[in-house]
Structures are given as C-alpha cells and as structure tokens.
C-alpha cells in the first residue's frame, strides 16, 4: 500500500503567500487639521454616544431584576447575557449606519466639488485617497488570509490521511511480528512471509520520509 503525497498545489500555495507585516513601516498619513472648537465637537459627539449606550443598557428589560440571588439560575444569566449582547449589537449597527450617512456627504463633496470645494472639503481629499488605499490593502490581505486558510485546510486533510495510513501499516506490522514470534527462532524460510515483511518495512520507511 503506497501512501499519498501531500498536495503539492496546497503546499506551494502556502509557500507563495506573502502576508503583509502590520508592524512594518508605513507611509505617514496626512493628519486632518482641526480647530479647537471642532475637536470639542467631536469629543462631545463621542461622549454623547457613550451616554446613549449607557442609558440603553440601563433601561434594558431585566427578567431577574426583582429576583433574589437564590432564585437566579444559570439559564437566567445566559438569557441576560444574550439580551445584553443583542442590545450592544443593535446599538453598534445603528451607530455605524448613522456615521456612514454623516461622513458620506462631506466625502462626496470633497471628491466631486472641484474648485467649488470648501477648505475643509479640500483637506478631506488626501484622507479620502488614503482611506481608499487602506481598503484596497485590507481586501488584498483578507484574500491572502483566506488563501492561507484554504491551503492549511488542504494540508491538514492530507496529514489526516497519512496518519490513518500509518496506523493501518502499524497494525499490519504488529500482525506480522506476532506471526514471526510464533515461529521458531532462526531464519525465515517462507518466501511469502519474507516478501510481506520486506514490503511492510519499505512502506513504513516511505511513509516516514
């Protein structure tokens, strides 16, 4: 029985992957110059979001709010944890949609307004280009990670097959060894037995390579 070789396509695919190092030096990004008033507005916006999240969590219905500690079961705790996660997920989704709507109009104006763009819209142009570049790099990195996972899965499948074959070979070797032990000491004169032992030894040696 010959053992299969590891998929050369998968192995070469993994060897050809080049994952970008996130710690590598990157080109400096253009920093948007904001006035003190604009910074205060952004800080207040962030704080407003935090307060809304806190209010939403505090006002969420709690099934065990009036229950004593002895009455709270593991199922109750799991239900509360699930409700909390769902509430946070809904809030995060709403926040993401709102922010996307807020930033879409200034970005469109910065890109398409041309000479009619305001100073702050002109300042947004290089940032918009940098954002597009980052999205492109992120998509490429995600594709590399996906390819690496697929190649790793293929190699792991081959490893499982090899392990199963090695187990079968080991079982056959044990059976032959038991047959040899049952014979008298001395050279084995049975040609068929000799052939089986040599074949098993050769297959075990090949699988170990």
C-alpha atoms as a PDB file:
ATOM      1  CA  UNK A   1       0.000   0.000   0.000  1.00  0.00           C
ATOM      2  CA  UNK A   2       1.555   3.292  -1.041  1.00  0.00           C
ATOM      3  CA  UNK A   3       0.932   6.416   0.963  1.00  0.00           C
ATOM      4  CA  UNK A   4      -0.296   9.605  -0.784  1.00  0.00           C
ATOM      5  CA  UNK A   5       1.990  12.564  -1.066  1.00  0.00           C
ATOM      6  CA  UNK A   6       0.973  15.871   0.477  1.00  0.00           C
ATOM      7  CA  UNK A   7      -0.871  18.016  -2.038  1.00  0.00           C
ATOM      8  CA  UNK A   8       1.900  19.874  -3.820  1.00  0.00           C
ATOM      9  CA  UNK A   9      -0.519  22.540  -5.021  1.00  0.00           C
ATOM     10  CA  UNK A  10      -1.603  23.355  -1.480  1.00  0.00           C
ATOM     11  CA  UNK A  11       1.961  23.339  -0.211  1.00  0.00           C
ATOM     12  CA  UNK A  12       3.210  25.567  -2.999  1.00  0.00           C
ATOM     13  CA  UNK A  13       0.231  27.834  -2.461  1.00  0.00           C
ATOM     14  CA  UNK A  14       1.196  28.341   1.150  1.00  0.00           C
ATOM     15  CA  UNK A  15       4.814  28.905   0.193  1.00  0.00           C
ATOM     16  CA  UNK A  16       3.826  31.592  -2.295  1.00  0.00           C
ATOM     17  CA  UNK A  17       1.717  33.563   0.142  1.00  0.00           C
ATOM     18  CA  UNK A  18       3.103  36.830   1.363  1.00  0.00           C
ATOM     19  CA  UNK A  19       1.250  38.266   4.343  1.00  0.00           C
ATOM     20  CA  UNK A  20       1.957  41.909   4.956  1.00  0.00           C
ATOM     21  CA  UNK A  21       3.535  42.583   8.318  1.00  0.00           C
ATOM     22  CA  UNK A  22       1.295  45.030  10.201  1.00  0.00           C
ATOM     23  CA  UNK A  23       4.320  46.251  12.186  1.00  0.00           C
ATOM     24  CA  UNK A  24       6.226  47.217   9.050  1.00  0.00           C
ATOM     25  CA  UNK A  25       6.869  50.887   8.463  1.00  0.00           C
ATOM     26  CA  UNK A  26       4.005  52.543   6.626  1.00  0.00           C
ATOM     27  CA  UNK A  27       3.795  55.842   4.817  1.00  0.00           C
ATOM     28  CA  UNK A  28       2.763  58.597   7.163  1.00  0.00           C
ATOM     29  CA  UNK A  29      -0.879  59.544   6.903  1.00  0.00           C
ATOM     30  CA  UNK A  30      -1.978  63.099   6.430  1.00  0.00           C
ATOM     31  CA  UNK A  31      -3.435  64.410   9.645  1.00  0.00           C
ATOM     32  CA  UNK A  32      -6.578  66.459   9.316  1.00  0.00           C
ATOM     33  CA  UNK A  33      -6.052  69.819  10.949  1.00  0.00           C
ATOM     34  CA  UNK A  34      -8.951  70.611  13.267  1.00  0.00           C
ATOM     35  CA  UNK A  35      -9.672  73.719  15.230  1.00  0.00           C
ATOM     36  CA  UNK A  36     -10.161  73.582  18.983  1.00  0.00           C
ATOM     37  CA  UNK A  37     -13.902  74.019  18.533  1.00  0.00           C
ATOM     38  CA  UNK A  38     -14.044  71.145  16.042  1.00  0.00           C
ATOM     39  CA  UNK A  39     -12.129  68.887  18.427  1.00  0.00           C
ATOM     40  CA  UNK A  40     -14.529  69.770  21.231  1.00  0.00           C
ATOM     41  CA  UNK A  41     -17.488  68.960  18.984  1.00  0.00           C
ATOM     42  CA  UNK A  42     -16.027  65.547  18.135  1.00  0.00           C
ATOM     43  CA  UNK A  43     -15.298  64.853  21.811  1.00  0.00           C
ATOM     44  CA  UNK A  44     -18.865  65.767  22.731  1.00  0.00           C
ATOM     45  CA  UNK A  45     -20.159  63.524  19.943  1.00  0.00           C
ATOM     46  CA  UNK A  46     -18.169  60.582  21.300  1.00  0.00           C
ATOM     47  CA  UNK A  47     -19.362  61.285  24.827  1.00  0.00           C
ATOM     48  CA  UNK A  48     -22.940  61.535  23.573  1.00  0.00           C
ATOM     49  CA  UNK A  49     -22.617  58.058  22.073  1.00  0.00           C
ATOM     50  CA  UNK A  50     -21.237  56.676  25.334  1.00  0.00           C
ATOM     51  CA  UNK A  51     -24.115  58.171  27.322  1.00  0.00           C
ATOM     52  CA  UNK A  52     -26.673  56.775  24.867  1.00  0.00           C
ATOM     53  CA  UNK A  53     -25.138  53.328  25.188  1.00  0.00           C
ATOM     54  CA  UNK A  54     -25.171  53.518  28.988  1.00  0.00           C
ATOM     55  CA  UNK A  55     -28.802  54.658  29.005  1.00  0.00           C
ATOM     56  CA  UNK A  56     -29.783  51.884  26.619  1.00  0.00           C
ATOM     57  CA  UNK A  57     -28.118  49.230  28.769  1.00  0.00           C
ATOM     58  CA  UNK A  58     -29.605  50.577  31.998  1.00  0.00           C
ATOM     59  CA  UNK A  59     -33.107  50.766  30.549  1.00  0.00           C
ATOM     60  CA  UNK A  60     -32.998  47.280  29.037  1.00  0.00           C
ATOM     61  CA  UNK A  61     -35.631  44.930  30.499  1.00  0.00           C
ATOM     62  CA  UNK A  62     -34.219  42.553  33.063  1.00  0.00           C
ATOM     63  CA  UNK A  63     -36.126  39.376  33.831  1.00  0.00           C
ATOM     64  CA  UNK A  64     -34.234  38.833  37.071  1.00  0.00           C
ATOM     65  CA  UNK A  65     -34.237  42.430  38.292  1.00  0.00           C
ATOM     66  CA  UNK A  66     -36.579  41.769  41.206  1.00  0.00           C
ATOM     67  CA  UNK A  67     -35.466  38.209  41.875  1.00  0.00           C
ATOM     68  CA  UNK A  68     -33.341  37.209  44.817  1.00  0.00           C
ATOM     69  CA  UNK A  69     -29.882  35.739  44.387  1.00  0.00           C
ATOM     70  CA  UNK A  70     -31.151  32.280  45.256  1.00  0.00           C
ATOM     71  CA  UNK A  71     -33.768  32.418  42.504  1.00  0.00           C
ATOM     72  CA  UNK A  72     -31.359  33.346  39.699  1.00  0.00           C
ATOM     73  CA  UNK A  73     -30.431  30.297  37.639  1.00  0.00           C
ATOM     74  CA  UNK A  74     -27.722  29.736  35.072  1.00  0.00           C
ATOM     75  CA  UNK A  75     -30.373  29.853  32.363  1.00  0.00           C
ATOM     76  CA  UNK A  76     -31.446  33.307  33.592  1.00  0.00           C
ATOM     77  CA  UNK A  77     -27.863  34.569  33.475  1.00  0.00           C
ATOM     78  CA  UNK A  78     -27.335  33.178  29.989  1.00  0.00           C
ATOM     79  CA  UNK A  79     -30.563  34.787  28.802  1.00  0.00           C
ATOM     80  CA  UNK A  80     -29.488  38.145  30.246  1.00  0.00           C
ATOM     81  CA  UNK A  81     -26.054  37.879  28.660  1.00  0.00           C
ATOM     82  CA  UNK A  82     -27.631  37.088  25.293  1.00  0.00           C
ATOM     83  CA  UNK A  83     -30.016  40.040  25.610  1.00  0.00           C
ATOM     84  CA  UNK A  84     -27.104  42.326  26.521  1.00  0.00           C
ATOM     85  CA  UNK A  85     -25.050  41.212  23.529  1.00  0.00           C
ATOM     86  CA  UNK A  86     -28.020  41.667  21.201  1.00  0.00           C
ATOM     87  CA  UNK A  87     -28.644  45.171  22.574  1.00  0.00           C
ATOM     88  CA  UNK A  88     -24.995  46.136  22.079  1.00  0.00           C
ATOM     89  CA  UNK A  89     -25.019  44.683  18.558  1.00  0.00           C
ATOM     90  CA  UNK A  90     -28.146  46.655  17.618  1.00  0.00           C
ATOM     91  CA  UNK A  91     -26.622  49.832  19.018  1.00  0.00           C
ATOM     92  CA  UNK A  92     -23.334  49.262  17.175  1.00  0.00           C
ATOM     93  CA  UNK A  93     -25.225  48.685  13.912  1.00  0.00           C
ATOM     94  CA  UNK A  94     -27.309  51.846  14.316  1.00  0.00           C
ATOM     95  CA  UNK A  95     -24.196  53.856  15.172  1.00  0.00           C
ATOM     96  CA  UNK A  96     -22.328  52.511  12.157  1.00  0.00           C
ATOM     97  CA  UNK A  97     -25.213  53.379   9.822  1.00  0.00           C
ATOM     98  CA  UNK A  98     -25.542  56.882  11.274  1.00  0.00           C
ATOM     99  CA  UNK A  99     -21.819  57.576  10.988  1.00  0.00           C
ATOM    100  CA  UNK A 100     -21.750  56.291   7.413  1.00  0.00           C
ATOM    101  CA  UNK A 101     -24.551  58.687   6.498  1.00  0.00           C
ATOM    102  CA  UNK A 102     -22.816  61.597   8.244  1.00  0.00           C
ATOM    103  CA  UNK A 103     -19.460  61.100   6.520  1.00  0.00           C
ATOM    104  CA  UNK A 104     -20.812  60.232   3.065  1.00  0.00           C
ATOM    105  CA  UNK A 105     -21.877  63.752   2.077  1.00  0.00           C
ATOM    106  CA  UNK A 106     -18.605  65.530   3.012  1.00  0.00           C
ATOM    107  CA  UNK A 107     -16.576  62.843   1.246  1.00  0.00           C
ATOM    108  CA  UNK A 108     -18.677  63.125  -1.923  1.00  0.00           C
ATOM    109  CA  UNK A 109     -18.306  66.890  -1.893  1.00  0.00           C
ATOM    110  CA  UNK A 110     -14.564  66.639  -1.321  1.00  0.00           C
ATOM    111  CA  UNK A 111     -14.208  64.308  -4.309  1.00  0.00           C
ATOM    112  CA  UNK A 112     -16.593  65.919  -6.788  1.00  0.00           C
ATOM    113  CA  UNK A 113     -16.807  69.596  -5.804  1.00  0.00           C
ATOM    114  CA  UNK A 114     -13.582  70.515  -7.583  1.00  0.00           C
ATOM    115  CA  UNK A 115     -12.717  74.180  -7.312  1.00  0.00           C
ATOM    116  CA  UNK A 116     -16.008  74.852  -5.527  1.00  0.00           C
ATOM    117  CA  UNK A 117     -14.989  72.735  -2.541  1.00  0.00           C
ATOM    118  CA  UNK A 118     -14.681  74.442   0.811  1.00  0.00           C
ATOM    119  CA  UNK A 119     -11.296  74.485   2.601  1.00  0.00           C
ATOM    120  CA  UNK A 120     -12.240  71.640   4.924  1.00  0.00           C
ATOM    121  CA  UNK A 121     -13.550  69.608   1.976  1.00  0.00           C
ATOM    122  CA  UNK A 122     -10.225  70.128   0.197  1.00  0.00           C
ATOM    123  CA  UNK A 123      -8.480  68.922   3.350  1.00  0.00           C
ATOM    124  CA  UNK A 124     -10.546  65.738   3.171  1.00  0.00           C
ATOM    125  CA  UNK A 125      -9.319  64.790  -0.317  1.00  0.00           C
ATOM    126  CA  UNK A 126      -5.969  63.221   0.676  1.00  0.00           C
ATOM    127  CA  UNK A 127      -7.662  61.469   3.574  1.00  0.00           C
ATOM    128  CA  UNK A 128     -10.235  60.007   1.215  1.00  0.00           C
ATOM    129  CA  UNK A 129      -7.483  58.695  -1.040  1.00  0.00           C
ATOM    130  CA  UNK A 130      -5.662  57.205   1.933  1.00  0.00           C
ATOM    131  CA  UNK A 131      -8.873  55.551   3.061  1.00  0.00           C
ATOM    132  CA  UNK A 132      -9.334  54.024  -0.394  1.00  0.00           C
ATOM    133  CA  UNK A 133      -5.734  52.752  -0.354  1.00  0.00           C
ATOM    134  CA  UNK A 134      -6.219  51.208   3.085  1.00  0.00           C
ATOM    135  CA  UNK A 135      -9.419  49.483   1.938  1.00  0.00           C
ATOM    136  CA  UNK A 136      -7.577  48.062  -1.073  1.00  0.00           C
ATOM    137  CA  UNK A 137      -4.723  46.767   1.090  1.00  0.00           C
ATOM    138  CA  UNK A 138      -7.197  45.323   3.584  1.00  0.00           C
ATOM    139  CA  UNK A 139      -9.055  43.472   0.841  1.00  0.00           C
ATOM    140  CA  UNK A 140      -5.774  42.064  -0.505  1.00  0.00           C
ATOM    141  CA  UNK A 141      -4.690  40.964   2.969  1.00  0.00           C
ATOM    142  CA  UNK A 142      -8.064  39.338   3.605  1.00  0.00           C
ATOM    143  CA  UNK A 143      -7.711  37.416   0.330  1.00  0.00           C
ATOM    144  CA  UNK A 144      -4.233  36.251   1.377  1.00  0.00           C
ATOM    145  CA  UNK A 145      -5.510  35.108   4.759  1.00  0.00           C
ATOM    146  CA  UNK A 146      -8.367  33.208   3.108  1.00  0.00           C
ATOM    147  CA  UNK A 147      -5.953  31.520   0.684  1.00  0.00           C
ATOM    148  CA  UNK A 148      -3.657  30.595   3.573  1.00  0.00           C
ATOM    149  CA  UNK A 149      -6.549  29.055   5.497  1.00  0.00           C
ATOM    150  CA  UNK A 150      -7.666  27.053   2.468  1.00  0.00           C
ATOM    151  CA  UNK A 151      -4.115  25.794   1.876  1.00  0.00           C
ATOM    152  CA  UNK A 152      -3.751  24.933   5.555  1.00  0.00           C
ATOM    153  CA  UNK A 153      -7.029  23.016   5.464  1.00  0.00           C
ATOM    154  CA  UNK A 154      -5.830  21.021   2.452  1.00  0.00           C
ATOM    155  CA  UNK A 155      -2.525  20.185   4.145  1.00  0.00           C
ATOM    156  CA  UNK A 156      -4.331  19.197   7.340  1.00  0.00           C
ATOM    157  CA  UNK A 157      -6.591  16.866   5.352  1.00  0.00           C
ATOM    158  CA  UNK A 158      -3.534  15.235   3.786  1.00  0.00           C
ATOM    159  CA  UNK A 159      -1.994  14.859   7.232  1.00  0.00           C
ATOM    160  CA  UNK A 160      -5.100  13.049   8.470  1.00  0.00           C
ATOM    161  CA  UNK A 161      -4.928  10.660   5.506  1.00  0.00           C
ATOM    162  CA  UNK A 162      -1.242   9.967   6.133  1.00  0.00           C
ATOM    163  CA  UNK A 163      -1.879   9.388   9.821  1.00  0.00           C
ATOM    164  CA  UNK A 164      -4.656   6.911   9.031  1.00  0.00           C
ATOM    165  CA  UNK A 165      -2.437   5.057   6.567  1.00  0.00           C
ATOM    166  CA  UNK A 166       0.411   4.924   9.071  1.00  0.00           C
ATOM    167  CA  UNK A 167      -1.964   3.462  11.649  1.00  0.00           C
ATOM    168  CA  UNK A 168      -3.027   0.757   9.207  1.00  0.00           C
ATOM    169  CA  UNK A 169       0.594  -0.043   8.367  1.00  0.00           C
ATOM    170  CA  UNK A 170       1.491  -0.235  12.036  1.00  0.00           C
ATOM    171  CA  UNK A 171      -1.364  -2.685  12.616  1.00  0.00           C
ATOM    172  CA  UNK A 172      -0.191  -4.881   9.770  1.00  0.00           C
ATOM    173  CA  UNK A 173       3.377  -4.793  11.063  1.00  0.00           C
ATOM    174  CA  UNK A 174       2.178  -5.857  14.514  1.00  0.00           C
ATOM    175  CA  UNK A 175       0.302  -8.771  12.950  1.00  0.00           C
ATOM    176  CA  UNK A 176       3.373  -9.887  11.025  1.00  0.00           C
ATOM    177  CA  UNK A 177       5.534  -9.514  14.115  1.00  0.00           C
ATOM    178  CA  UNK A 178       3.167 -11.771  16.026  1.00  0.00           C
ATOM    179  CA  UNK A 179       3.397 -14.343  13.255  1.00  0.00           C
ATOM    180  CA  UNK A 180       7.188 -14.201  13.363  1.00  0.00           C
ATOM    181  CA  UNK A 181       7.200 -14.611  17.139  1.00  0.00           C
ATOM    182  CA  UNK A 182       5.087 -17.733  16.714  1.00  0.00           C
ATOM    183  CA  UNK A 183       7.705 -19.355  14.559  1.00  0.00           C
ATOM    184  CA  UNK A 184      10.879 -20.966  15.734  1.00  0.00           C
ATOM    185  CA  UNK A 185      13.967 -18.840  16.110  1.00  0.00           C
ATOM    186  CA  UNK A 186      16.182 -18.753  13.076  1.00  0.00           C
ATOM    187  CA  UNK A 187      15.971 -17.556   9.521  1.00  0.00           C
ATOM    188  CA  UNK A 188      12.547 -17.340   7.935  1.00  0.00           C
ATOM    189  CA  UNK A 189      12.429 -19.786   5.077  1.00  0.00           C
ATOM    190  CA  UNK A 190       8.929 -18.980   3.843  1.00  0.00           C
ATOM    191  CA  UNK A 191       9.408 -16.742   0.740  1.00  0.00           C
ATOM    192  CA  UNK A 192       5.885 -15.312   1.022  1.00  0.00           C
ATOM    193  CA  UNK A 193       6.464 -14.287   4.646  1.00  0.00           C
ATOM    194  CA  UNK A 194       9.792 -12.723   3.740  1.00  0.00           C
ATOM    195  CA  UNK A 195       8.148 -10.763   0.930  1.00  0.00           C
ATOM    196  CA  UNK A 196       5.421  -9.430   3.214  1.00  0.00           C
ATOM    197  CA  UNK A 197       7.935  -8.311   5.838  1.00  0.00           C
ATOM    198  CA  UNK A 198      10.109  -6.570   3.254  1.00  0.00           C
ATOM    199  CA  UNK A 199       7.074  -4.842   1.715  1.00  0.00           C
ATOM    200  CA  UNK A 200       5.865  -3.623   5.093  1.00  0.00           C
ATOM    201  CA  UNK A 201       9.308  -2.344   6.041  1.00  0.00           C
ATOM    202  CA  UNK A 202       9.572  -0.487   2.739  1.00  0.00           C
ATOM    203  CA  UNK A 203       6.127   1.132   3.096  1.00  0.00           C
ATOM    204  CA  UNK A 204       6.806   2.187   6.681  1.00  0.00           C
ATOM    205  CA  UNK A 205      10.105   3.716   5.590  1.00  0.00           C
ATOM    206  CA  UNK A 206       8.433   5.623   2.748  1.00  0.00           C
ATOM    207  CA  UNK A 207       5.661   6.954   4.997  1.00  0.00           C
ATOM    208  CA  UNK A 208       8.231   8.220   7.494  1.00  0.00           C
ATOM    209  CA  UNK A 209      10.050  10.266   4.858  1.00  0.00           C
END
